Amino acid sequence: MGSLFTYRDSCPSIKNILLLDSEGKRVAVRYYSDEWPTNSSKLAFEKYLFTKTLKTNARVEADIAVFESNIVVYKFVQDLHFYVTGGDNENELILCTVLQGLYDSISLILRNTIDKGEVLENLDLVLLCLDEIVDGGIILETDANLIVGKVASHILDVDAPLSEQTITQAWASARDHLARSLLK
């Protein structure tokens, strides 16, 4: 038990991943730290981050800032604001890699149409992406192709193994499965 505790302490960790719209409202969020114990404290942090980063030019490439003893990397795409937060002792490059993995996997899932409407329409897949990237604050994966493959494998029909499907077939199958489950 002691060695696991030491391992977790030495591992880079993520405090939260936020996907907000152009007005600072939640689209998809995951918190992995108890630093924000209530929903109102989470909303206040999100509003604070959004307000502080609104005037920056994070559209071309990711930007890095320190807010309330947290390192935050962020990127704006269309009407969405992507944020990854780590402690003030975390490596910015690792946080940027998580941000890029998140952006790339969502881009693959949404076929390069990244906007609030598409994300909301495919929210289940976006949330699965978040879950495949980070679990309990520990970074699991940052390679977009692997993340998308894992997300697809969660929702495929058991009739056809993932290894026998192209990504297009996998997505079609996943969408059909989702549609059937919603109609039940």
N, C-alpha and C. Protein backbone atom coordinates (compact mmCIF):
# COMPACT_ATOMS: atom_id res chain seq x y z
N MET A 1 0.84 -1.19 0.00
CA MET A 1 0.00 0.00 0.00
C MET A 1 0.88 1.25 0.00
N GLY A 2 1.97 1.24 0.73
CA GLY A 2 2.85 2.39 0.78
C GLY A 2 3.49 2.69 -0.56
N SER A 3 3.86 1.66 -1.32
CA SER A 3 4.49 1.90 -2.62
C SER A 3 3.49 2.48 -3.62
N LEU A 4 2.22 2.11 -3.53
CA LEU A 4 1.21 2.68 -4.41
C LEU A 4 1.04 4.17 -4.11
N PHE A 5 1.03 4.52 -2.84
CA PHE A 5 0.89 5.92 -2.44
C PHE A 5 2.06 6.73 -2.99
N THR A 6 3.27 6.21 -2.90
CA THR A 6 4.46 6.89 -3.42
C THR A 6 4.37 7.03 -4.93
N TYR A 7 3.90 5.98 -5.60
CA TYR A 7 3.76 6.01 -7.06
C TYR A 7 2.77 7.10 -7.48
N ARG A 8 1.62 7.16 -6.82
CA ARG A 8 0.62 8.18 -7.16
C ARG A 8 1.16 9.58 -6.93
N ASP A 9 1.95 9.75 -5.87
CA ASP A 9 2.50 11.07 -5.58
C ASP A 9 3.52 11.49 -6.62
N SER A 10 4.25 10.53 -7.17
CA SER A 10 5.29 10.88 -8.14
C SER A 10 4.75 10.94 -9.57
N CYS A 11 3.54 10.46 -9.78
CA CYS A 11 2.92 10.47 -11.11
C CYS A 11 2.36 11.85 -11.41
N PRO A 12 2.50 12.31 -12.65
CA PRO A 12 1.81 13.56 -12.99
C PRO A 12 0.31 13.35 -12.83
N SER A 13 -0.38 14.36 -12.34
CA SER A 13 -1.83 14.20 -12.18
C SER A 13 -2.57 15.43 -12.66
N ILE A 14 -3.81 15.18 -13.01
CA ILE A 14 -4.69 16.21 -13.55
C ILE A 14 -5.74 16.51 -12.48
N LYS A 15 -6.03 17.79 -12.26
CA LYS A 15 -7.07 18.16 -11.30
C LYS A 15 -8.44 18.24 -11.94
N ASN A 16 -8.48 18.69 -13.20
CA ASN A 16 -9.75 18.70 -13.92
C ASN A 16 -9.51 18.88 -15.41
N ILE A 17 -10.52 18.51 -16.17
CA ILE A 17 -10.58 18.77 -17.60
C ILE A 17 -11.91 19.46 -17.84
N LEU A 18 -11.85 20.62 -18.46
CA LEU A 18 -13.06 21.41 -18.68
C LEU A 18 -13.24 21.69 -20.16
N LEU A 19 -14.46 21.58 -20.61
CA LEU A 19 -14.83 21.96 -21.96
C LEU A 19 -16.00 22.92 -21.79
N LEU A 20 -15.74 24.21 -22.03
CA LEU A 20 -16.76 25.25 -21.84
C LEU A 20 -17.14 25.85 -23.18
N ASP A 21 -18.32 26.45 -23.25
CA ASP A 21 -18.72 27.10 -24.49
C ASP A 21 -18.23 28.55 -24.52
N SER A 22 -18.59 29.29 -25.55
CA SER A 22 -18.08 30.65 -25.74
C SER A 22 -18.66 31.65 -24.73
N GLU A 23 -19.59 31.20 -23.90
CA GLU A 23 -20.13 32.04 -22.84
C GLU A 23 -19.64 31.59 -21.46
N GLY A 24 -18.76 30.57 -21.44
CA GLY A 24 -18.23 30.08 -20.18
C GLY A 24 -19.10 29.04 -19.50
N LYS A 25 -20.12 28.55 -20.19
CA LYS A 25 -21.01 27.54 -19.63
C LYS A 25 -20.45 26.13 -19.89
N ARG A 26 -20.76 25.21 -18.99
CA ARG A 26 -20.28 23.83 -19.10
C ARG A 26 -20.82 23.13 -20.34
N VAL A 27 -19.91 22.42 -20.99
CA VAL A 27 -20.31 21.50 -22.06
C VAL A 27 -19.99 20.08 -21.58
N ALA A 28 -18.75 19.87 -21.13
CA ALA A 28 -18.33 18.59 -20.56
C ALA A 28 -17.21 18.87 -19.57
N VAL A 29 -17.33 18.37 -18.37
CA VAL A 29 -16.29 18.58 -17.36
C VAL A 29 -16.07 17.31 -16.56
N ARG A 30 -14.84 17.16 -16.08
CA ARG A 30 -14.50 16.09 -15.14
C ARG A 30 -13.54 16.69 -14.11
N TYR A 31 -13.87 16.49 -12.84
CA TYR A 31 -13.00 16.91 -11.74
C TYR A 31 -12.40 15.68 -11.09
N TYR A 32 -11.09 15.73 -10.82
CA TYR A 32 -10.39 14.60 -10.22
C TYR A 32 -9.77 14.98 -8.87
N SER A 33 -10.02 16.19 -8.41
CA SER A 33 -9.45 16.69 -7.17
C SER A 33 -10.58 17.15 -6.26
N ASP A 34 -10.37 17.00 -4.96
CA ASP A 34 -11.38 17.48 -4.01
C ASP A 34 -11.13 18.94 -3.62
N GLU A 35 -10.29 19.61 -4.40
CA GLU A 35 -10.00 21.03 -4.17
C GLU A 35 -11.27 21.88 -4.32
N TRP A 36 -12.20 21.42 -5.14
CA TRP A 36 -13.48 22.09 -5.35
C TRP A 36 -14.57 21.13 -4.90
N PRO A 37 -14.91 21.14 -3.58
CA PRO A 37 -15.80 20.12 -3.03
C PRO A 37 -17.27 20.26 -3.41
N THR A 38 -17.71 21.47 -3.76
CA THR A 38 -19.12 21.66 -4.07
C THR A 38 -19.29 22.05 -5.53
N ASN A 39 -20.50 21.86 -6.01
CA ASN A 39 -20.78 22.25 -7.40
C ASN A 39 -20.60 23.76 -7.57
N SER A 40 -20.99 24.54 -6.57
CA SER A 40 -20.86 26.00 -6.69
C SER A 40 -19.39 26.42 -6.72
N SER A 41 -18.51 25.72 -6.00
CA SER A 41 -17.09 26.06 -6.06
C SER A 41 -16.50 25.68 -7.43
N LYS A 42 -16.99 24.59 -8.01
CA LYS A 42 -16.56 24.20 -9.35
C LYS A 42 -17.00 25.23 -10.38
N LEU A 43 -18.26 25.64 -10.29
CA LEU A 43 -18.78 26.65 -11.21
C LEU A 43 -18.03 27.97 -11.07
N ALA A 44 -17.70 28.34 -9.83
CA ALA A 44 -16.96 29.58 -9.60
C ALA A 44 -15.56 29.50 -10.23
N PHE A 45 -14.89 28.35 -10.09
CA PHE A 45 -13.58 28.16 -10.70
C PHE A 45 -13.68 28.25 -12.23
N GLU A 46 -14.70 27.61 -12.80
CA GLU A 46 -14.89 27.64 -14.25
C GLU A 46 -15.11 29.08 -14.73
N LYS A 47 -15.93 29.83 -14.01
CA LYS A 47 -16.20 31.23 -14.38
C LYS A 47 -14.93 32.06 -14.28
N TYR A 48 -14.17 31.84 -13.20
CA TYR A 48 -12.91 32.56 -12.99
C TYR A 48 -11.94 32.28 -14.14
N LEU A 49 -11.76 31.00 -14.47
CA LEU A 49 -10.87 30.62 -15.57
C LEU A 49 -11.31 31.25 -16.88
N PHE A 50 -12.59 31.13 -17.17
CA PHE A 50 -13.12 31.65 -18.43
C PHE A 50 -12.88 33.16 -18.52
N THR A 51 -13.20 33.87 -17.45
CA THR A 51 -13.03 35.33 -17.44
C THR A 51 -11.57 35.72 -17.62
N LYS A 52 -10.65 35.04 -16.94
CA LYS A 52 -9.23 35.36 -17.01
C LYS A 52 -8.60 35.02 -18.36
N THR A 53 -9.16 34.04 -19.08
CA THR A 53 -8.55 33.62 -20.34
C THR A 53 -9.27 34.15 -21.56
N LEU A 54 -10.40 34.79 -21.38
CA LEU A 54 -11.24 35.20 -22.49
C LEU A 54 -10.51 36.08 -23.51
N LYS A 55 -9.68 36.98 -23.04
CA LYS A 55 -9.03 37.93 -23.92
C LYS A 55 -7.70 37.43 -24.50
N THR A 56 -7.32 36.21 -24.18
CA THR A 56 -6.06 35.67 -24.70
C THR A 56 -6.27 35.11 -26.09
N ASN A 57 -5.16 34.89 -26.78
CA ASN A 57 -5.23 34.38 -28.14
C ASN A 57 -4.80 32.92 -28.17
N ALA A 58 -5.61 32.05 -27.60
CA ALA A 58 -5.27 30.63 -27.54
C ALA A 58 -5.92 29.86 -28.68
N ARG A 59 -6.18 30.54 -29.79
CA ARG A 59 -6.80 29.87 -30.93
C ARG A 59 -5.76 29.20 -31.83
N VAL A 60 -4.60 29.81 -31.93
CA VAL A 60 -3.57 29.28 -32.81
C VAL A 60 -2.87 28.08 -32.16
N GLU A 61 -2.48 28.24 -30.92
CA GLU A 61 -1.85 27.15 -30.18
C GLU A 61 -2.23 27.26 -28.71
N ALA A 62 -1.95 26.22 -27.97
CA ALA A 62 -2.31 26.19 -26.55
C ALA A 62 -1.55 27.27 -25.80
N ASP A 63 -2.18 27.79 -24.77
CA ASP A 63 -1.56 28.78 -23.90
C ASP A 63 -1.47 28.19 -22.50
N ILE A 64 -0.57 28.73 -21.70
CA ILE A 64 -0.34 28.23 -20.34
C ILE A 64 -0.42 29.41 -19.38
N ALA A 65 -1.08 29.20 -18.24
CA ALA A 65 -1.18 30.25 -17.23
C ALA A 65 -1.24 29.59 -15.85
N VAL A 66 -0.95 30.40 -14.83
CA VAL A 66 -1.07 29.95 -13.45
C VAL A 66 -2.21 30.72 -12.80
N PHE A 67 -3.19 29.97 -12.28
CA PHE A 67 -4.35 30.55 -11.61
C PHE A 67 -4.54 29.84 -10.29
N GLU A 68 -4.63 30.60 -9.20
CA GLU A 68 -4.90 30.03 -7.87
C GLU A 68 -4.03 28.81 -7.58
N SER A 69 -2.73 28.92 -7.78
CA SER A 69 -1.77 27.84 -7.53
C SER A 69 -2.00 26.61 -8.41
N ASN A 70 -2.59 26.79 -9.56
CA ASN A 70 -2.80 25.71 -10.52
C ASN A 70 -2.22 26.13 -11.87
N ILE A 71 -1.59 25.17 -12.54
CA ILE A 71 -1.17 25.41 -13.91
C ILE A 71 -2.32 24.99 -14.81
N VAL A 72 -2.72 25.88 -15.69
CA VAL A 72 -3.82 25.60 -16.61
C VAL A 72 -3.31 25.76 -18.03
N VAL A 73 -3.52 24.74 -18.84
CA VAL A 73 -3.25 24.84 -20.27
C VAL A 73 -4.60 24.88 -20.96
N TYR A 74 -4.70 25.70 -21.99
CA TYR A 74 -6.00 25.86 -22.62
C TYR A 74 -5.86 26.21 -24.09
N LYS A 75 -6.94 25.92 -24.79
CA LYS A 75 -6.99 26.14 -26.23
C LYS A 75 -8.44 26.42 -26.60
N PHE A 76 -8.64 27.37 -27.52
CA PHE A 76 -9.98 27.72 -27.98
C PHE A 76 -10.14 27.24 -29.42
N VAL A 77 -11.24 26.56 -29.68
CA VAL A 77 -11.55 26.07 -31.02
C VAL A 77 -13.02 26.37 -31.29
N GLN A 78 -13.28 27.12 -32.36
CA GLN A 78 -14.65 27.54 -32.69
C GLN A 78 -15.30 28.16 -31.46
N ASP A 79 -16.42 27.61 -31.01
CA ASP A 79 -17.12 28.15 -29.85
C ASP A 79 -16.88 27.32 -28.59
N LEU A 80 -15.74 26.61 -28.55
CA LEU A 80 -15.40 25.78 -27.39
C LEU A 80 -14.07 26.19 -26.78
N HIS A 81 -13.98 26.09 -25.47
CA HIS A 81 -12.76 26.39 -24.73
C HIS A 81 -12.35 25.12 -23.99
N PHE A 82 -11.18 24.59 -24.32
CA PHE A 82 -10.64 23.38 -23.71
C PHE A 82 -9.66 23.79 -22.61
N TYR A 83 -9.79 23.22 -21.41
CA TYR A 83 -8.88 23.50 -20.29
C TYR A 83 -8.43 22.20 -19.64
N VAL A 84 -7.15 22.14 -19.29
CA VAL A 84 -6.61 21.04 -18.48
C VAL A 84 -5.86 21.69 -17.32
N THR A 85 -6.20 21.30 -16.09
CA THR A 85 -5.63 21.90 -14.90
C THR A 85 -4.79 20.88 -14.14
N GLY A 86 -3.61 21.32 -13.71
CA GLY A 86 -2.75 20.52 -12.86
C GLY A 86 -2.24 21.37 -11.71
N GLY A 87 -1.60 20.75 -10.75
CA GLY A 87 -1.03 21.50 -9.64
C GLY A 87 0.13 22.38 -10.10
N ASP A 88 0.54 23.31 -9.24
CA ASP A 88 1.60 24.24 -9.64
C ASP A 88 2.97 23.58 -9.77
N ASN A 89 3.07 22.31 -9.38
CA ASN A 89 4.33 21.58 -9.52
C ASN A 89 4.32 20.63 -10.72
N GLU A 90 3.23 20.63 -11.50
CA GLU A 90 3.14 19.72 -12.65
C GLU A 90 3.93 20.26 -13.84
N ASN A 91 4.30 19.35 -14.71
CA ASN A 91 5.05 19.69 -15.91
C ASN A 91 4.08 20.21 -16.97
N GLU A 92 4.34 21.43 -17.46
CA GLU A 92 3.45 22.05 -18.45
C GLU A 92 3.37 21.24 -19.73
N LEU A 93 4.48 20.60 -20.12
CA LEU A 93 4.49 19.82 -21.35
C LEU A 93 3.57 18.60 -21.24
N ILE A 94 3.53 17.99 -20.07
CA ILE A 94 2.63 16.85 -19.87
C ILE A 94 1.18 17.32 -19.93
N LEU A 95 0.88 18.45 -19.30
CA LEU A 95 -0.47 18.99 -19.35
C LEU A 95 -0.86 19.35 -20.79
N CYS A 96 0.08 19.91 -21.55
CA CYS A 96 -0.18 20.23 -22.96
C CYS A 96 -0.42 18.96 -23.78
N THR A 97 0.29 17.89 -23.45
CA THR A 97 0.09 16.62 -24.15
C THR A 97 -1.30 16.07 -23.89
N VAL A 98 -1.79 16.20 -22.66
CA VAL A 98 -3.15 15.77 -22.33
C VAL A 98 -4.16 16.62 -23.10
N LEU A 99 -3.95 17.93 -23.12
CA LEU A 99 -4.84 18.83 -23.85
C LEU A 99 -4.87 18.48 -25.33
N GLN A 100 -3.72 18.24 -25.91
CA GLN A 100 -3.65 17.91 -27.33
C GLN A 100 -4.31 16.56 -27.61
N GLY A 101 -4.10 15.58 -26.72
CA GLY A 101 -4.75 14.28 -26.87
C GLY A 101 -6.26 14.40 -26.81
N LEU A 102 -6.75 15.24 -25.91
CA LEU A 102 -8.19 15.48 -25.80
C LEU A 102 -8.71 16.11 -27.08
N TYR A 103 -8.06 17.17 -27.53
CA TYR A 103 -8.50 17.86 -28.74
C TYR A 103 -8.47 16.92 -29.96
N ASP A 104 -7.36 16.20 -30.12
CA ASP A 104 -7.21 15.31 -31.28
C ASP A 104 -8.24 14.18 -31.28
N SER A 105 -8.52 13.60 -30.10
CA SER A 105 -9.49 12.50 -30.05
C SER A 105 -10.90 13.01 -30.33
N ILE A 106 -11.26 14.16 -29.79
CA ILE A 106 -12.58 14.73 -30.08
C ILE A 106 -12.68 15.11 -31.56
N SER A 107 -11.59 15.62 -32.11
CA SER A 107 -11.55 15.95 -33.54
C SER A 107 -11.78 14.71 -34.40
N LEU A 108 -11.16 13.59 -34.03
CA LEU A 108 -11.35 12.35 -34.77
C LEU A 108 -12.80 11.86 -34.66
N ILE A 109 -13.33 11.89 -33.46
CA ILE A 109 -14.70 11.41 -33.24
C ILE A 109 -15.71 12.25 -34.01
N LEU A 110 -15.49 13.57 -34.03
CA LEU A 110 -16.45 14.47 -34.67
C LEU A 110 -16.08 14.79 -36.12
N ARG A 111 -15.12 14.05 -36.65
CA ARG A 111 -14.69 14.22 -38.05
C ARG A 111 -14.33 15.67 -38.35
N ASN A 112 -13.53 16.26 -37.48
CA ASN A 112 -13.00 17.63 -37.62
C ASN A 112 -14.07 18.72 -37.56
N THR A 113 -15.28 18.41 -37.14
CA THR A 113 -16.31 19.42 -36.95
C THR A 113 -16.45 19.66 -35.45
N ILE A 114 -15.55 20.49 -34.94
CA ILE A 114 -15.54 20.72 -33.49
C ILE A 114 -16.28 22.01 -33.18
N ASP A 115 -17.50 21.87 -32.72
CA ASP A 115 -18.26 23.00 -32.22
C ASP A 115 -19.23 22.49 -31.15
N LYS A 116 -19.84 23.42 -30.44
CA LYS A 116 -20.68 23.06 -29.31
C LYS A 116 -21.81 22.11 -29.72
N GLY A 117 -22.47 22.38 -30.84
CA GLY A 117 -23.58 21.54 -31.28
C GLY A 117 -23.16 20.10 -31.51
N GLU A 118 -22.05 19.90 -32.20
CA GLU A 118 -21.55 18.54 -32.47
C GLU A 118 -21.14 17.84 -31.18
N VAL A 119 -20.47 18.58 -30.29
CA VAL A 119 -20.05 17.98 -29.02
C VAL A 119 -21.27 17.55 -28.21
N LEU A 120 -22.28 18.41 -28.13
CA LEU A 120 -23.49 18.05 -27.37
C LEU A 120 -24.22 16.87 -28.01
N GLU A 121 -24.23 16.82 -29.34
CA GLU A 121 -24.88 15.71 -30.02
C GLU A 121 -24.15 14.38 -29.77
N ASN A 122 -22.86 14.47 -29.52
CA ASN A 122 -22.04 13.28 -29.29
C ASN A 122 -21.44 13.29 -27.89
N LEU A 123 -22.16 13.84 -26.94
CA LEU A 123 -21.64 14.03 -25.59
C LEU A 123 -21.21 12.72 -24.94
N ASP A 124 -21.93 11.65 -25.18
CA ASP A 124 -21.55 10.37 -24.60
C ASP A 124 -20.15 9.95 -25.06
N LEU A 125 -19.85 10.15 -26.34
CA LEU A 125 -18.53 9.78 -26.86
C LEU A 125 -17.45 10.71 -26.32
N VAL A 126 -17.76 11.99 -26.19
CA VAL A 126 -16.80 12.95 -25.65
C VAL A 126 -16.47 12.61 -24.20
N LEU A 127 -17.49 12.27 -23.42
CA LEU A 127 -17.26 11.90 -22.01
C LEU A 127 -16.46 10.61 -21.91
N LEU A 128 -16.70 9.66 -22.82
CA LEU A 128 -15.89 8.44 -22.84
C LEU A 128 -14.43 8.78 -23.15
N CYS A 129 -14.21 9.74 -24.04
CA CYS A 129 -12.84 10.19 -24.33
C CYS A 129 -12.17 10.70 -23.06
N LEU A 130 -12.88 11.55 -22.32
CA LEU A 130 -12.32 12.08 -21.07
C LEU A 130 -11.95 10.94 -20.13
N ASP A 131 -12.83 9.93 -20.05
CA ASP A 131 -12.59 8.79 -19.16
C ASP A 131 -11.41 7.94 -19.61
N GLU A 132 -11.16 7.88 -20.91
CA GLU A 132 -10.04 7.10 -21.42
C GLU A 132 -8.71 7.84 -21.28
N ILE A 133 -8.77 9.17 -21.19
CA ILE A 133 -7.55 9.97 -21.07
C ILE A 133 -7.07 10.01 -19.62
N VAL A 134 -7.98 10.26 -18.70
CA VAL A 134 -7.64 10.41 -17.28
C VAL A 134 -8.61 9.61 -16.43
N ASP A 135 -8.09 8.92 -15.42
CA ASP A 135 -8.91 8.20 -14.46
C ASP A 135 -8.44 8.56 -13.07
N GLY A 136 -9.30 9.18 -12.29
CA GLY A 136 -8.95 9.55 -10.93
C GLY A 136 -7.78 10.52 -10.86
N GLY A 137 -7.57 11.29 -11.90
CA GLY A 137 -6.47 12.25 -11.94
C GLY A 137 -5.20 11.70 -12.56
N ILE A 138 -5.12 10.39 -12.75
CA ILE A 138 -3.94 9.76 -13.33
C ILE A 138 -4.11 9.68 -14.85
N ILE A 139 -3.10 10.13 -15.56
CA ILE A 139 -3.14 10.12 -17.02
C ILE A 139 -2.97 8.69 -17.52
N LEU A 140 -3.96 8.23 -18.30
CA LEU A 140 -3.92 6.88 -18.83
C LEU A 140 -3.39 6.84 -20.26
N GLU A 141 -3.84 7.79 -21.08
CA GLU A 141 -3.52 7.74 -22.51
C GLU A 141 -3.61 9.14 -23.10
N THR A 142 -2.73 9.45 -24.06
CA THR A 142 -2.80 10.73 -24.75
C THR A 142 -2.79 10.57 -26.27
N ASP A 143 -2.62 9.35 -26.76
CA ASP A 143 -2.62 9.11 -28.20
C ASP A 143 -4.07 9.04 -28.69
N ALA A 144 -4.45 9.99 -29.55
CA ALA A 144 -5.83 10.11 -30.00
C ALA A 144 -6.35 8.84 -30.68
N ASN A 145 -5.52 8.19 -31.48
CA ASN A 145 -5.98 6.98 -32.17
C ASN A 145 -6.30 5.87 -31.18
N LEU A 146 -5.49 5.73 -30.15
CA LEU A 146 -5.76 4.71 -29.14
C LEU A 146 -7.00 5.06 -28.31
N ILE A 147 -7.15 6.34 -28.00
CA ILE A 147 -8.31 6.79 -27.23
C ILE A 147 -9.59 6.51 -28.01
N VAL A 148 -9.61 6.89 -29.28
CA VAL A 148 -10.80 6.69 -30.11
C VAL A 148 -11.08 5.19 -30.28
N GLY A 149 -10.03 4.39 -30.42
CA GLY A 149 -10.22 2.94 -30.51
C GLY A 149 -10.86 2.37 -29.26
N LYS A 150 -10.42 2.85 -28.10
CA LYS A 150 -11.02 2.37 -26.84
C LYS A 150 -12.46 2.84 -26.69
N VAL A 151 -12.73 4.08 -27.08
CA VAL A 151 -14.10 4.60 -27.01
C VAL A 151 -15.00 3.77 -27.92
N ALA A 152 -14.53 3.50 -29.13
CA ALA A 152 -15.32 2.71 -30.08
C ALA A 152 -15.57 1.31 -29.55
N SER A 153 -14.58 0.74 -28.89
CA SER A 153 -14.75 -0.63 -28.39
C SER A 153 -15.78 -0.70 -27.26
N HIS A 154 -16.00 0.41 -26.56
CA HIS A 154 -17.01 0.43 -25.49
C HIS A 154 -18.42 0.31 -26.02
N ILE A 155 -18.65 0.78 -27.24
CA ILE A 155 -20.03 0.89 -27.71
C ILE A 155 -20.33 0.07 -28.95
N LEU A 156 -19.39 -0.77 -29.36
CA LEU A 156 -19.62 -1.60 -30.54
C LEU A 156 -20.52 -2.79 -30.23
N ASP A 157 -21.19 -3.25 -31.27
CA ASP A 157 -21.96 -4.50 -31.12
C ASP A 157 -20.97 -5.64 -30.93
N VAL A 158 -21.38 -6.63 -30.18
CA VAL A 158 -20.50 -7.78 -29.97
C VAL A 158 -20.41 -8.66 -31.21
N ASP A 159 -21.30 -8.44 -32.18
CA ASP A 159 -21.31 -9.26 -33.39
C ASP A 159 -20.01 -9.15 -34.19
N ALA A 160 -19.44 -7.94 -34.25
CA ALA A 160 -18.24 -7.73 -35.07
C ALA A 160 -17.12 -7.19 -34.20
N PRO A 161 -16.03 -7.94 -34.09
CA PRO A 161 -14.89 -7.45 -33.30
C PRO A 161 -14.29 -6.19 -33.92
N LEU A 162 -13.74 -5.35 -33.07
CA LEU A 162 -13.14 -4.09 -33.53
C LEU A 162 -12.05 -4.34 -34.56
N SER A 163 -11.29 -5.41 -34.39
CA SER A 163 -10.17 -5.67 -35.29
C SER A 163 -10.64 -5.95 -36.73
N GLU A 164 -11.91 -6.31 -36.88
CA GLU A 164 -12.43 -6.63 -38.21
C GLU A 164 -13.20 -5.46 -38.82
N GLN A 165 -13.19 -4.30 -38.17
CA GLN A 165 -13.93 -3.16 -38.68
C GLN A 165 -13.01 -2.00 -38.99
N THR A 166 -13.35 -1.24 -40.03
CA THR A 166 -12.64 0.01 -40.26
C THR A 166 -13.18 1.02 -39.26
N ILE A 167 -12.51 2.13 -39.09
CA ILE A 167 -12.97 3.13 -38.12
C ILE A 167 -14.34 3.67 -38.53
N THR A 168 -14.56 3.82 -39.84
CA THR A 168 -15.86 4.29 -40.31
C THR A 168 -16.96 3.30 -39.96
N GLN A 169 -16.68 2.00 -40.17
CA GLN A 169 -17.66 0.98 -39.81
C GLN A 169 -17.90 0.97 -38.30
N ALA A 170 -16.83 1.15 -37.55
CA ALA A 170 -16.94 1.17 -36.08
C ALA A 170 -17.83 2.32 -35.63
N TRP A 171 -17.63 3.49 -36.22
CA TRP A 171 -18.45 4.64 -35.83
C TRP A 171 -19.90 4.45 -36.26
N ALA A 172 -20.12 3.92 -37.45
CA ALA A 172 -21.49 3.67 -37.90
C ALA A 172 -22.18 2.69 -36.96
N SER A 173 -21.46 1.64 -36.60
CA SER A 173 -21.99 0.65 -35.69
C SER A 173 -22.29 1.27 -34.32
N ALA A 174 -21.37 2.11 -33.85
CA ALA A 174 -21.54 2.76 -32.55
C ALA A 174 -22.75 3.69 -32.57
N ARG A 175 -22.91 4.45 -33.64
CA ARG A 175 -24.05 5.37 -33.74
C ARG A 175 -25.37 4.58 -33.81
N ASP A 176 -25.39 3.48 -34.56
CA ASP A 176 -26.59 2.65 -34.63
C ASP A 176 -26.95 2.10 -33.26
N HIS A 177 -25.92 1.62 -32.55
CA HIS A 177 -26.14 1.07 -31.21
C HIS A 177 -26.72 2.14 -30.28
N LEU A 178 -26.14 3.33 -30.36
CA LEU A 178 -26.61 4.43 -29.51
C LEU A 178 -28.05 4.79 -29.87
N ALA A 179 -28.35 4.88 -31.16
CA ALA A 179 -29.70 5.22 -31.59
C ALA A 179 -30.70 4.18 -31.09
N ARG A 180 -30.35 2.90 -31.19
CA ARG A 180 -31.24 1.84 -30.71
C ARG A 180 -31.46 1.95 -29.21
N SER A 181 -30.40 2.25 -28.48
CA SER A 181 -30.53 2.33 -27.02
C SER A 181 -31.38 3.54 -26.61
N LEU A 182 -31.32 4.61 -27.39
CA LEU A 182 -32.13 5.79 -27.08
C LEU A 182 -33.61 5.57 -27.41
N LEU A 183 -33.88 4.74 -28.39
CA LEU A 183 -35.27 4.49 -28.79
C LEU A 183 -35.98 3.51 -27.88
N LYS A 184 -35.24 2.79 -27.05
CA LYS A 184 -35.86 1.80 -26.15
C LYS A 184 -36.67 2.46 -25.07
